[in-house]
Amino acid sequence: MTRSCEKIPEVSMKETQGVFLLRRSQGVALTLALLVLLILTLIGISAISTTTYETNIAGNERLYNNAFYAADAGIDYFYGTIDSYIILAATSGGIDSQAKGINLGGGRFNVTWKKIRDEIGPPPKVEFLVVSEGISPSFPTAGRVTIEALIESTSLEGGVNRGGDT
């Protein structure tokens, strides 16, 4: 039997290198998947960190607002009871919400007031400088909120006319 001489295809060097590179690149998919997973993990950690930071900001803002409203309540308390301070001979004083038994939901205020003008009239006029410090529970001492107000009151026949605060 005679065999026919078949031509064996020649394999070029380029084709050999291509096959070799394909066999070497089988681990690239795993490497790329791990790299993508690393990037997604870093994005997730960043998102958690940002969320924690934003939560802290919201908590601090809530405490600040509580302290502000407690200080505002001190100004309102003084304004509501101004009649009792007009007749006093004292030219200054203080009010503590805890000592008065005023419940502000855990917050409290300290008010200091000072008569800055007392005119006999007519009509009699009294001006007070009122400073109210609001304190919220768990709020650092350095973060207390202070509000100042100038309150004017004039006495008319039959009652007291309260001016506005500025």
N, C-alpha and C. Protein backbone atom coordinates (compact mmCIF):
# COMPACT_ATOMS: atom_id res chain seq x y z
N MET A 1 0.81 -1.16 0.00
CA MET A 1 0.00 0.00 0.00
C MET A 1 0.86 1.23 0.00
N THR A 2 0.44 1.99 -0.77
CA THR A 2 1.18 3.24 -0.85
C THR A 2 0.40 4.33 -0.15
N ARG A 3 1.14 4.96 0.47
CA ARG A 3 0.52 6.10 1.17
C ARG A 3 0.73 7.32 0.33
N SER A 4 -0.32 8.09 0.41
CA SER A 4 -0.16 9.34 -0.30
C SER A 4 0.51 10.34 0.62
N CYS A 5 1.23 11.05 0.03
CA CYS A 5 1.96 12.04 0.79
C CYS A 5 1.08 13.25 0.97
N GLU A 6 0.63 13.40 2.17
CA GLU A 6 -0.19 14.57 2.45
C GLU A 6 0.73 15.66 2.92
N LYS A 7 0.33 16.79 2.55
CA LYS A 7 1.10 17.93 2.98
C LYS A 7 0.69 18.31 4.38
N ILE A 8 1.60 18.38 5.24
CA ILE A 8 1.31 18.81 6.60
C ILE A 8 1.31 20.32 6.58
N PRO A 9 0.22 20.89 7.10
CA PRO A 9 0.17 22.36 7.08
C PRO A 9 1.28 22.93 7.92
N GLU A 10 1.81 23.96 7.42
CA GLU A 10 2.88 24.63 8.16
C GLU A 10 2.26 25.57 9.17
N VAL A 11 2.77 25.50 10.35
CA VAL A 11 2.28 26.39 11.41
C VAL A 11 3.29 27.50 11.55
N SER A 12 2.75 28.66 11.39
CA SER A 12 3.66 29.80 11.47
C SER A 12 3.97 30.11 12.93
N MET A 13 5.00 30.89 13.11
CA MET A 13 5.43 31.27 14.45
C MET A 13 4.39 32.15 15.12
N LYS A 14 3.69 32.97 14.34
CA LYS A 14 2.67 33.85 14.87
C LYS A 14 1.53 33.05 15.47
N GLU A 15 1.09 32.04 14.76
CA GLU A 15 0.00 31.20 15.26
C GLU A 15 0.41 30.47 16.52
N THR A 16 1.62 30.04 16.61
CA THR A 16 2.10 29.35 17.81
C THR A 16 2.09 30.29 19.00
N GLN A 17 2.51 31.51 18.79
CA GLN A 17 2.52 32.47 19.89
C GLN A 17 1.09 32.81 20.33
N GLY A 18 0.14 32.87 19.39
CA GLY A 18 -1.25 33.18 19.72
C GLY A 18 -1.86 32.10 20.59
N VAL A 19 -1.60 30.84 20.26
CA VAL A 19 -2.12 29.73 21.05
C VAL A 19 -1.49 29.76 22.44
N PHE A 20 -0.23 30.06 22.49
CA PHE A 20 0.46 30.12 23.78
C PHE A 20 -0.11 31.23 24.65
N LEU A 21 -0.38 32.39 24.04
CA LEU A 21 -0.95 33.51 24.81
C LEU A 21 -2.35 33.19 25.30
N LEU A 22 -3.14 32.48 24.49
CA LEU A 22 -4.48 32.11 24.93
C LEU A 22 -4.43 31.18 26.12
N ARG A 23 -3.49 30.28 26.11
CA ARG A 23 -3.36 29.35 27.23
C ARG A 23 -2.87 30.08 28.48
N ARG A 24 -2.03 31.09 28.32
CA ARG A 24 -1.51 31.85 29.47
C ARG A 24 -2.56 32.78 30.06
N SER A 25 -3.53 33.22 29.29
CA SER A 25 -4.49 34.23 29.76
C SER A 25 -5.73 33.62 30.39
N GLN A 26 -5.71 32.39 30.74
CA GLN A 26 -6.88 31.76 31.34
C GLN A 26 -7.16 32.31 32.74
N GLY A 27 -6.21 32.81 33.49
CA GLY A 27 -6.43 33.34 34.84
C GLY A 27 -6.79 34.82 34.87
N VAL A 28 -6.88 35.46 33.70
CA VAL A 28 -7.18 36.88 33.63
C VAL A 28 -8.60 37.15 34.11
N ALA A 29 -9.54 36.28 33.79
CA ALA A 29 -10.93 36.47 34.21
C ALA A 29 -11.03 36.50 35.74
N LEU A 30 -10.35 35.61 36.38
CA LEU A 30 -10.34 35.58 37.85
C LEU A 30 -9.72 36.85 38.42
N THR A 31 -8.63 37.28 37.83
CA THR A 31 -7.96 38.49 38.30
C THR A 31 -8.85 39.71 38.12
N LEU A 32 -9.51 39.81 36.97
CA LEU A 32 -10.43 40.93 36.74
C LEU A 32 -11.62 40.89 37.70
N ALA A 33 -12.15 39.71 37.95
CA ALA A 33 -13.28 39.58 38.88
C ALA A 33 -12.87 40.02 40.28
N LEU A 34 -11.68 39.61 40.71
CA LEU A 34 -11.20 40.02 42.04
C LEU A 34 -10.96 41.52 42.11
N LEU A 35 -10.47 42.12 41.05
CA LEU A 35 -10.24 43.56 41.00
C LEU A 35 -11.56 44.33 41.08
N VAL A 36 -12.56 43.87 40.33
CA VAL A 36 -13.89 44.50 40.37
C VAL A 36 -14.49 44.34 41.77
N LEU A 37 -14.34 43.19 42.37
CA LEU A 37 -14.85 42.95 43.72
C LEU A 37 -14.16 43.88 44.73
N LEU A 38 -12.88 44.10 44.58
CA LEU A 38 -12.15 45.01 45.45
C LEU A 38 -12.67 46.44 45.31
N ILE A 39 -12.90 46.87 44.09
CA ILE A 39 -13.41 48.23 43.85
C ILE A 39 -14.81 48.38 44.46
N LEU A 40 -15.67 47.40 44.27
CA LEU A 40 -17.03 47.46 44.84
C LEU A 40 -16.99 47.44 46.37
N THR A 41 -16.06 46.71 46.95
CA THR A 41 -15.92 46.70 48.40
C THR A 41 -15.51 48.07 48.91
N LEU A 42 -14.57 48.72 48.23
CA LEU A 42 -14.14 50.06 48.64
C LEU A 42 -15.28 51.07 48.52
N ILE A 43 -16.09 50.96 47.47
CA ILE A 43 -17.25 51.85 47.31
C ILE A 43 -18.24 51.60 48.44
N GLY A 44 -18.46 50.36 48.81
CA GLY A 44 -19.38 50.02 49.91
C GLY A 44 -18.90 50.57 51.24
N ILE A 45 -17.61 50.43 51.51
CA ILE A 45 -17.04 50.96 52.76
C ILE A 45 -17.17 52.48 52.79
N SER A 46 -16.94 53.12 51.67
CA SER A 46 -17.08 54.57 51.58
C SER A 46 -18.53 54.99 51.84
N ALA A 47 -19.49 54.25 51.30
CA ALA A 47 -20.90 54.57 51.51
C ALA A 47 -21.29 54.41 52.97
N ILE A 48 -20.80 53.38 53.62
CA ILE A 48 -21.09 53.17 55.05
C ILE A 48 -20.48 54.29 55.87
N SER A 49 -19.26 54.69 55.56
CA SER A 49 -18.60 55.78 56.28
C SER A 49 -19.36 57.08 56.12
N THR A 50 -19.82 57.37 54.90
CA THR A 50 -20.58 58.59 54.65
C THR A 50 -21.90 58.56 55.41
N THR A 51 -22.57 57.43 55.43
CA THR A 51 -23.83 57.30 56.15
C THR A 51 -23.63 57.53 57.64
N THR A 52 -22.58 56.97 58.21
CA THR A 52 -22.29 57.17 59.62
C THR A 52 -22.03 58.65 59.91
N TYR A 53 -21.27 59.29 59.06
CA TYR A 53 -20.96 60.72 59.21
C TYR A 53 -22.24 61.54 59.15
N GLU A 54 -23.11 61.26 58.18
CA GLU A 54 -24.37 62.00 58.05
C GLU A 54 -25.27 61.77 59.26
N THR A 55 -25.27 60.58 59.81
CA THR A 55 -26.06 60.28 61.00
C THR A 55 -25.57 61.10 62.19
N ASN A 56 -24.26 61.21 62.34
CA ASN A 56 -23.70 62.03 63.41
C ASN A 56 -24.09 63.50 63.25
N ILE A 57 -24.06 63.98 62.03
CA ILE A 57 -24.44 65.38 61.77
C ILE A 57 -25.90 65.60 62.16
N ALA A 58 -26.77 64.67 61.76
CA ALA A 58 -28.20 64.80 62.07
C ALA A 58 -28.43 64.77 63.59
N GLY A 59 -27.71 63.91 64.29
CA GLY A 59 -27.85 63.85 65.76
C GLY A 59 -27.40 65.14 66.43
N ASN A 60 -26.28 65.69 65.96
CA ASN A 60 -25.79 66.95 66.53
C ASN A 60 -26.75 68.09 66.24
N GLU A 61 -27.33 68.08 65.05
CA GLU A 61 -28.29 69.13 64.71
C GLU A 61 -29.54 69.04 65.60
N ARG A 62 -29.97 67.83 65.88
CA ARG A 62 -31.13 67.64 66.77
C ARG A 62 -30.83 68.18 68.16
N LEU A 63 -29.64 67.87 68.68
CA LEU A 63 -29.27 68.38 70.01
C LEU A 63 -29.15 69.90 70.01
N TYR A 64 -28.57 70.46 68.95
CA TYR A 64 -28.47 71.91 68.84
C TYR A 64 -29.86 72.54 68.82
N ASN A 65 -30.77 71.96 68.03
CA ASN A 65 -32.13 72.51 67.97
C ASN A 65 -32.83 72.43 69.31
N ASN A 66 -32.63 71.33 70.05
CA ASN A 66 -33.21 71.23 71.40
C ASN A 66 -32.68 72.33 72.30
N ALA A 67 -31.39 72.59 72.24
CA ALA A 67 -30.80 73.64 73.07
C ALA A 67 -31.32 75.01 72.64
N PHE A 68 -31.46 75.23 71.34
CA PHE A 68 -31.99 76.50 70.85
C PHE A 68 -33.41 76.73 71.33
N TYR A 69 -34.26 75.71 71.22
CA TYR A 69 -35.65 75.87 71.64
C TYR A 69 -35.77 76.01 73.15
N ALA A 70 -34.85 75.41 73.90
CA ALA A 70 -34.85 75.61 75.35
C ALA A 70 -34.49 77.06 75.67
N ALA A 71 -33.51 77.62 74.96
CA ALA A 71 -33.15 79.03 75.17
C ALA A 71 -34.31 79.94 74.77
N ASP A 72 -34.97 79.63 73.69
CA ASP A 72 -36.13 80.41 73.25
C ASP A 72 -37.26 80.32 74.27
N ALA A 73 -37.43 79.16 74.88
CA ALA A 73 -38.45 79.00 75.93
C ALA A 73 -38.13 79.90 77.12
N GLY A 74 -36.85 80.11 77.42
CA GLY A 74 -36.46 81.01 78.50
C GLY A 74 -36.87 82.45 78.22
N ILE A 75 -36.66 82.89 76.97
CA ILE A 75 -37.08 84.24 76.57
C ILE A 75 -38.60 84.35 76.67
N ASP A 76 -39.30 83.35 76.19
CA ASP A 76 -40.77 83.36 76.26
C ASP A 76 -41.27 83.35 77.70
N TYR A 77 -40.60 82.58 78.55
CA TYR A 77 -41.01 82.54 79.96
C TYR A 77 -40.85 83.92 80.60
N PHE A 78 -39.73 84.56 80.35
CA PHE A 78 -39.52 85.90 80.91
C PHE A 78 -40.57 86.87 80.36
N TYR A 79 -40.80 86.80 79.07
CA TYR A 79 -41.77 87.69 78.43
C TYR A 79 -43.17 87.47 79.01
N GLY A 80 -43.53 86.25 79.28
CA GLY A 80 -44.84 85.94 79.84
C GLY A 80 -45.00 86.36 81.28
N THR A 81 -43.91 86.46 82.00
CA THR A 81 -43.97 86.84 83.42
C THR A 81 -43.33 88.19 83.68
N ILE A 82 -43.28 89.04 82.66
CA ILE A 82 -42.58 90.32 82.78
C ILE A 82 -43.21 91.23 83.83
N ASP A 83 -44.52 91.12 84.04
CA ASP A 83 -45.21 91.96 85.02
C ASP A 83 -44.58 91.84 86.40
N SER A 84 -44.17 90.63 86.78
CA SER A 84 -43.60 90.43 88.11
C SER A 84 -42.19 91.01 88.23
N TYR A 85 -41.52 91.26 87.11
CA TYR A 85 -40.16 91.82 87.17
C TYR A 85 -40.16 93.34 87.09
N ILE A 86 -41.23 93.91 86.55
CA ILE A 86 -41.31 95.36 86.45
C ILE A 86 -41.38 96.00 87.83
N ILE A 87 -42.15 95.39 88.71
CA ILE A 87 -42.37 95.99 90.04
C ILE A 87 -41.23 95.73 91.01
N LEU A 88 -40.30 94.87 90.63
CA LEU A 88 -39.18 94.58 91.54
C LEU A 88 -38.24 95.77 91.63
N ALA A 89 -37.69 95.95 92.82
CA ALA A 89 -36.68 97.00 93.00
C ALA A 89 -35.33 96.56 92.44
N ALA A 90 -35.13 95.26 92.32
CA ALA A 90 -33.85 94.73 91.82
C ALA A 90 -33.68 95.13 90.35
N THR A 91 -32.43 95.35 89.98
CA THR A 91 -32.15 95.74 88.59
C THR A 91 -31.64 94.58 87.76
N SER A 92 -31.46 93.42 88.37
CA SER A 92 -31.03 92.23 87.62
C SER A 92 -31.41 90.99 88.40
N GLY A 93 -31.37 89.87 87.71
CA GLY A 93 -31.71 88.62 88.37
C GLY A 93 -31.53 87.45 87.42
N GLY A 94 -31.95 86.29 87.88
CA GLY A 94 -31.81 85.09 87.07
C GLY A 94 -32.97 84.14 87.29
N ILE A 95 -33.20 83.29 86.31
CA ILE A 95 -34.26 82.29 86.37
C ILE A 95 -33.67 80.98 85.90
N ASP A 96 -33.87 79.92 86.66
CA ASP A 96 -33.42 78.59 86.28
C ASP A 96 -34.65 77.72 86.10
N SER A 97 -34.81 77.11 84.94
CA SER A 97 -36.02 76.32 84.66
C SER A 97 -36.13 75.11 85.57
N GLN A 98 -35.00 74.52 85.95
CA GLN A 98 -35.06 73.36 86.85
C GLN A 98 -35.53 73.78 88.24
N ALA A 99 -35.06 74.94 88.72
CA ALA A 99 -35.47 75.41 90.04
C ALA A 99 -36.95 75.77 90.04
N LYS A 100 -37.47 76.25 88.92
CA LYS A 100 -38.89 76.60 88.81
C LYS A 100 -39.76 75.38 88.54
N GLY A 101 -39.15 74.23 88.24
CA GLY A 101 -39.91 73.02 87.96
C GLY A 101 -40.52 72.99 86.57
N ILE A 102 -39.91 73.69 85.63
CA ILE A 102 -40.41 73.73 84.25
C ILE A 102 -39.81 72.56 83.48
N ASN A 103 -40.66 71.69 82.93
CA ASN A 103 -40.19 70.52 82.20
C ASN A 103 -40.11 70.85 80.71
N LEU A 104 -38.93 70.74 80.15
CA LEU A 104 -38.72 71.01 78.72
C LEU A 104 -38.31 69.75 77.98
N GLY A 105 -38.71 68.61 78.45
CA GLY A 105 -38.36 67.36 77.78
C GLY A 105 -36.89 67.01 77.91
N GLY A 106 -36.31 67.29 79.04
CA GLY A 106 -34.90 66.99 79.27
C GLY A 106 -34.01 68.20 79.13
N GLY A 107 -34.40 69.17 78.31
CA GLY A 107 -33.62 70.39 78.16
C GLY A 107 -33.93 71.35 79.31
N ARG A 108 -33.15 72.39 79.40
CA ARG A 108 -33.39 73.40 80.44
C ARG A 108 -32.85 74.73 79.97
N PHE A 109 -33.25 75.80 80.67
CA PHE A 109 -32.73 77.12 80.35
C PHE A 109 -32.31 77.85 81.61
N ASN A 110 -31.36 78.73 81.43
CA ASN A 110 -30.92 79.66 82.47
C ASN A 110 -31.05 81.06 81.89
N VAL A 111 -31.88 81.88 82.53
CA VAL A 111 -32.12 83.23 82.05
C VAL A 111 -31.50 84.22 83.03
N THR A 112 -30.77 85.19 82.50
CA THR A 112 -30.34 86.33 83.32
C THR A 112 -30.93 87.58 82.69
N TRP A 113 -31.45 88.45 83.53
CA TRP A 113 -32.07 89.66 83.04
C TRP A 113 -31.52 90.87 83.77
N LYS A 114 -31.60 91.99 83.09
CA LYS A 114 -31.08 93.23 83.67
C LYS A 114 -31.95 94.38 83.15
N LYS A 115 -32.39 95.23 84.09
CA LYS A 115 -33.12 96.44 83.69
C LYS A 115 -32.10 97.41 83.13
N ILE A 116 -32.31 97.84 81.91
CA ILE A 116 -31.36 98.78 81.32
C ILE A 116 -31.97 100.18 81.21
N ARG A 117 -33.30 100.27 81.34
CA ARG A 117 -33.93 101.58 81.35
C ARG A 117 -35.24 101.48 82.14
N ASP A 118 -35.44 102.44 83.02
CA ASP A 118 -36.65 102.47 83.84
C ASP A 118 -37.12 103.92 83.89
N GLU A 119 -38.03 104.26 83.01
CA GLU A 119 -38.54 105.64 82.95
C GLU A 119 -39.87 105.73 83.67
N ILE A 120 -40.05 106.81 84.39
CA ILE A 120 -41.28 107.00 85.14
C ILE A 120 -42.43 107.35 84.19
N GLY A 121 -42.17 108.04 83.13
CA GLY A 121 -43.21 108.26 82.13
C GLY A 121 -43.62 109.71 82.01
N PRO A 122 -44.76 110.01 81.56
CA PRO A 122 -45.81 109.09 81.12
C PRO A 122 -45.54 108.61 79.70
N PRO A 123 -45.95 107.47 79.32
CA PRO A 123 -46.27 106.31 80.17
C PRO A 123 -44.99 105.70 80.73
N PRO A 124 -45.09 105.04 81.85
CA PRO A 124 -43.89 104.39 82.42
C PRO A 124 -43.35 103.32 81.45
N LYS A 125 -42.04 103.31 81.32
CA LYS A 125 -41.41 102.39 80.37
C LYS A 125 -40.24 101.70 81.04
N VAL A 126 -40.15 100.40 80.82
CA VAL A 126 -39.05 99.62 81.36
C VAL A 126 -38.48 98.78 80.22
N GLU A 127 -37.14 98.77 80.10
CA GLU A 127 -36.47 97.92 79.12
C GLU A 127 -35.59 96.92 79.84
N PHE A 128 -35.62 95.70 79.36
CA PHE A 128 -34.82 94.62 79.93
C PHE A 128 -33.90 94.04 78.86
N LEU A 129 -32.69 93.75 79.27
CA LEU A 129 -31.79 92.94 78.45
C LEU A 129 -31.87 91.53 79.02
N VAL A 130 -32.34 90.60 78.21
CA VAL A 130 -32.55 89.23 78.67
C VAL A 130 -31.61 88.32 77.89
N VAL A 131 -30.85 87.52 78.62
CA VAL A 131 -29.95 86.53 78.02
C VAL A 131 -30.39 85.16 78.49
N SER A 132 -30.73 84.31 77.53
CA SER A 132 -31.20 82.96 77.86
C SER A 132 -30.24 81.94 77.28
N GLU A 133 -29.81 81.03 78.11
CA GLU A 133 -28.91 79.95 77.68
C GLU A 133 -29.69 78.64 77.68
N GLY A 134 -29.78 78.01 76.53
CA GLY A 134 -30.45 76.72 76.41
C GLY A 134 -29.45 75.60 76.51
N ILE A 135 -29.82 74.58 77.27
CA ILE A 135 -28.92 73.45 77.48
C ILE A 135 -29.69 72.18 77.16
N SER A 136 -29.16 71.39 76.26
CA SER A 136 -29.78 70.12 75.88
C SER A 136 -29.03 68.98 76.54
N PRO A 137 -29.74 67.94 76.96
CA PRO A 137 -29.02 66.82 77.57
C PRO A 137 -28.06 66.19 76.56
N SER A 138 -26.94 65.75 77.04
CA SER A 138 -25.90 65.10 76.24
C SER A 138 -25.19 66.05 75.28
N PHE A 139 -25.43 67.33 75.40
CA PHE A 139 -24.78 68.29 74.50
C PHE A 139 -23.51 68.77 75.20
N PRO A 140 -22.40 68.84 74.52
CA PRO A 140 -21.16 69.29 75.16
C PRO A 140 -21.30 70.69 75.75
N THR A 141 -20.60 70.95 76.80
CA THR A 141 -20.71 72.24 77.48
C THR A 141 -20.35 73.39 76.57
N ALA A 142 -19.43 73.18 75.69
CA ALA A 142 -19.01 74.26 74.80
C ALA A 142 -20.07 74.57 73.75
N GLY A 143 -21.07 73.73 73.59
CA GLY A 143 -22.06 73.91 72.55
C GLY A 143 -23.39 74.44 73.00
N ARG A 144 -23.45 75.06 74.14
CA ARG A 144 -24.71 75.62 74.62
C ARG A 144 -25.14 76.77 73.73
N VAL A 145 -26.44 76.98 73.63
CA VAL A 145 -26.98 78.02 72.77
C VAL A 145 -27.43 79.19 73.64
N THR A 146 -27.01 80.39 73.26
CA THR A 146 -27.36 81.60 73.99
C THR A 146 -28.13 82.54 73.07
N ILE A 147 -29.24 83.07 73.60
CA ILE A 147 -30.05 84.03 72.86
C ILE A 147 -30.15 85.29 73.72
N GLU A 148 -29.97 86.43 73.08
CA GLU A 148 -30.15 87.71 73.76
C GLU A 148 -31.37 88.41 73.18
N ALA A 149 -32.13 89.09 74.06
CA ALA A 149 -33.30 89.82 73.60
C ALA A 149 -33.42 91.12 74.39
N LEU A 150 -33.90 92.14 73.72
CA LEU A 150 -34.19 93.41 74.35
C LEU A 150 -35.71 93.52 74.41
N ILE A 151 -36.26 93.53 75.60
CA ILE A 151 -37.71 93.53 75.77
C ILE A 151 -38.11 94.84 76.43
N GLU A 152 -39.06 95.50 75.81
CA GLU A 152 -39.55 96.78 76.32
C GLU A 152 -41.00 96.62 76.76
N SER A 153 -41.31 97.23 77.88
CA SER A 153 -42.67 97.16 78.39
C SER A 153 -43.10 98.55 78.83
N THR A 154 -44.29 98.95 78.41
CA THR A 154 -44.85 100.23 78.86
C THR A 154 -46.13 99.95 79.61
N SER A 155 -46.34 100.69 80.68
CA SER A 155 -47.52 100.51 81.49
C SER A 155 -48.56 101.55 81.08
N LEU A 156 -49.69 101.05 80.61
CA LEU A 156 -50.79 101.92 80.25
C LEU A 156 -51.86 101.81 81.33
N GLU A 157 -52.85 102.66 81.28
CA GLU A 157 -53.91 102.58 82.28
C GLU A 157 -54.58 101.22 82.18
N GLY A 158 -54.67 100.56 83.30
CA GLY A 158 -55.37 99.27 83.38
C GLY A 158 -54.54 98.08 82.96
N GLY A 159 -53.28 98.23 82.68
CA GLY A 159 -52.50 97.04 82.33
C GLY A 159 -51.15 97.38 81.77
N VAL A 160 -50.46 96.35 81.37
CA VAL A 160 -49.10 96.49 80.87
C VAL A 160 -49.13 96.23 79.36
N ASN A 161 -48.50 97.12 78.62
CA ASN A 161 -48.35 96.94 77.17
C ASN A 161 -46.95 96.42 76.93
N ARG A 162 -46.84 95.21 76.43
CA ARG A 162 -45.53 94.61 76.21
C ARG A 162 -45.06 94.96 74.81
N GLY A 163 -43.87 95.48 74.72
CA GLY A 163 -43.26 95.75 73.41
C GLY A 163 -42.66 94.49 72.88
N GLY A 164 -42.16 94.56 71.67
CA GLY A 164 -41.56 93.38 71.03
C GLY A 164 -40.14 93.18 71.48
N ASP A 165 -39.63 92.00 71.19
CA ASP A 165 -38.22 91.71 71.49
C ASP A 165 -37.44 91.78 70.20
N THR A 166 -36.19 92.14 70.29
CA THR A 166 -35.34 92.26 69.11
C THR A 166 -34.08 91.48 69.30
